[in-house]
Amino acid sequence: MLPIRVLFFASLKERLKRGQANLESAIALPVLEVWQRSSGETVFPANLLVSINQEYANAETLVHPGDEVAFFPPVTGG
């Protein structure tokens, strides 16, 4: 069974006090469940950005064993 690699960036990394986690699952999980299991938080922040294997995704997208999921706050700049 391949783990789901979870990455946290910017303020999420600071808030959760870690930059990554590995999640064991034999089946595909929605992003929302990956967030809940890896962060320990039940609510999916409305402005949270997520990518799966470096492609943008949303809370309902399925994450498969072996995938890499990245969570990051909105980026601003000029």
C-alpha atoms as a PDB file:
ATOM      1  CA  MET A   1       0.000   0.000   0.000  1.00  0.00           C
ATOM      2  CA  LEU A   2       1.423   3.361  -1.045  1.00  0.00           C
ATOM      3  CA  PRO A   3       0.922   6.298   1.329  1.00  0.00           C
ATOM      4  CA  ILE A   4      -0.720   9.549   0.327  1.00  0.00           C
ATOM      5  CA  ARG A   5       1.925  12.248   0.781  1.00  0.00           C
ATOM      6  CA  VAL A   6       0.434  15.436   2.221  1.00  0.00           C
ATOM      7  CA  LEU A   7       2.260  18.789   2.132  1.00  0.00           C
ATOM      8  CA  PHE A   8       1.354  21.961   4.035  1.00  0.00           C
ATOM      9  CA  PHE A   9       2.690  25.358   2.964  1.00  0.00           C
ATOM     10  CA  ALA A  10       3.053  28.895   4.334  1.00  0.00           C
ATOM     11  CA  SER A  11       0.757  29.782   7.241  1.00  0.00           C
ATOM     12  CA  LEU A  12      -0.737  26.260   7.268  1.00  0.00           C
ATOM     13  CA  LYS A  13       2.703  24.817   7.936  1.00  0.00           C
ATOM     14  CA  GLU A  14       3.148  27.225  10.833  1.00  0.00           C
ATOM     15  CA  ARG A  15      -0.336  26.643  12.254  1.00  0.00           C
ATOM     16  CA  LEU A  16      -0.152  22.838  12.054  1.00  0.00           C
ATOM     17  CA  LYS A  17       3.503  22.808  13.169  1.00  0.00           C
ATOM     18  CA  ARG A  18       4.566  20.459  10.387  1.00  0.00           C
ATOM     19  CA  GLY A  19       5.254  20.643   6.692  1.00  0.00           C
ATOM     20  CA  GLN A  20       4.174  17.179   5.670  1.00  0.00           C
ATOM     21  CA  ALA A  21       2.368  14.014   6.664  1.00  0.00           C
ATOM     22  CA  ASN A  22       1.859  10.550   5.240  1.00  0.00           C
ATOM     23  CA  LEU A  23      -1.619   9.082   5.211  1.00  0.00           C
ATOM     24  CA  GLU A  24      -2.176   5.350   4.817  1.00  0.00           C
ATOM     25  CA  SER A  25      -5.217   4.326   2.803  1.00  0.00           C
ATOM     26  CA  ALA A  26      -5.942   1.352   0.573  1.00  0.00           C
ATOM     27  CA  ILE A  27      -8.728   3.247  -1.211  1.00  0.00           C
ATOM     28  CA  ALA A  28      -9.211   6.644  -2.850  1.00  0.00           C
ATOM     29  CA  LEU A  29     -10.356   9.381  -0.466  1.00  0.00           C
ATOM     30  CA  PRO A  30     -11.911  12.783  -1.162  1.00  0.00           C
ATOM     31  CA  VAL A  31      -9.622  15.760  -0.530  1.00  0.00           C
ATOM     32  CA  LEU A  32     -11.896  16.796   2.346  1.00  0.00           C
ATOM     33  CA  GLU A  33     -11.201  13.532   4.175  1.00  0.00           C
ATOM     34  CA  VAL A  34      -7.465  13.765   3.480  1.00  0.00           C
ATOM     35  CA  TRP A  35      -7.540  17.277   4.985  1.00  0.00           C
ATOM     36  CA  GLN A  36      -9.443  16.105   8.065  1.00  0.00           C
ATOM     37  CA  ARG A  37      -7.201  13.096   8.702  1.00  0.00           C
ATOM     38  CA  SER A  38      -3.891  14.846   8.062  1.00  0.00           C
ATOM     39  CA  SER A  39      -4.592  18.202   9.720  1.00  0.00           C
ATOM     40  CA  GLY A  40      -6.801  17.077  12.599  1.00  0.00           C
ATOM     41  CA  GLU A  41      -9.272  19.823  11.661  1.00  0.00           C
ATOM     42  CA  THR A  42     -12.874  19.014  10.756  1.00  0.00           C
ATOM     43  CA  VAL A  43     -13.671  22.164   8.773  1.00  0.00           C
ATOM     44  CA  PHE A  44     -12.229  22.654   5.285  1.00  0.00           C
ATOM     45  CA  PRO A  45     -11.376  26.383   5.024  1.00  0.00           C
ATOM     46  CA  ALA A  46     -13.322  28.034   2.202  1.00  0.00           C
ATOM     47  CA  ASN A  47     -10.252  29.794   0.789  1.00  0.00           C
ATOM     48  CA  LEU A  48      -7.881  26.813   1.056  1.00  0.00           C
ATOM     49  CA  LEU A  49      -6.118  25.892  -2.183  1.00  0.00           C
ATOM     50  CA  VAL A  50      -5.255  22.298  -2.963  1.00  0.00           C
ATOM     51  CA  SER A  51      -3.347  20.441  -5.634  1.00  0.00           C
ATOM     52  CA  ILE A  52      -3.035  16.742  -6.382  1.00  0.00           C
ATOM     53  CA  ASN A  53       0.149  15.747  -8.174  1.00  0.00           C
ATOM     54  CA  GLN A  54       0.706  19.459  -8.944  1.00  0.00           C
ATOM     55  CA  GLU A  55      -2.725  19.952 -10.563  1.00  0.00           C
ATOM     56  CA  TYR A  56      -5.358  22.161  -8.913  1.00  0.00           C
ATOM     57  CA  ALA A  57      -8.212  20.245  -7.274  1.00  0.00           C
ATOM     58  CA  ASN A  58     -11.182  20.839  -4.963  1.00  0.00           C
ATOM     59  CA  ALA A  59     -12.561  19.295  -1.761  1.00  0.00           C
ATOM     60  CA  GLU A  60     -14.511  16.604  -3.635  1.00  0.00           C
ATOM     61  CA  THR A  61     -11.652  15.417  -5.864  1.00  0.00           C
ATOM     62  CA  LEU A  62     -10.513  11.866  -5.124  1.00  0.00           C
ATOM     63  CA  VAL A  63      -6.973  11.267  -3.901  1.00  0.00           C
ATOM     64  CA  HIS A  64      -5.518   7.847  -4.667  1.00  0.00           C
ATOM     65  CA  PRO A  65      -2.848   5.929  -2.762  1.00  0.00           C
ATOM     66  CA  GLY A  66       0.555   7.136  -3.969  1.00  0.00           C
ATOM     67  CA  ASP A  67      -0.699  10.640  -4.814  1.00  0.00           C
ATOM     68  CA  GLU A  68       0.837  13.838  -3.461  1.00  0.00           C
ATOM     69  CA  VAL A  69      -1.585  16.418  -2.059  1.00  0.00           C
ATOM     70  CA  ALA A  70      -0.543  19.982  -1.256  1.00  0.00           C
ATOM     71  CA  PHE A  71      -2.581  22.421   0.821  1.00  0.00           C
ATOM     72  CA  PHE A  72      -1.776  26.115   0.786  1.00  0.00           C
ATOM     73  CA  PRO A  73      -3.455  29.413   1.607  1.00  0.00           C
ATOM     74  CA  PRO A  74      -4.358  31.885  -1.144  1.00  0.00           C
ATOM     75  CA  VAL A  75      -1.353  33.704  -2.541  1.00  0.00           C
ATOM     76  CA  THR A  76      -1.425  37.445  -3.037  1.00  0.00           C
ATOM     77  CA  GLY A  77       1.004  39.604  -4.858  1.00  0.00           C
ATOM     78  CA  GLY A  78       1.381  42.291  -7.387  1.00  0.00           C
END
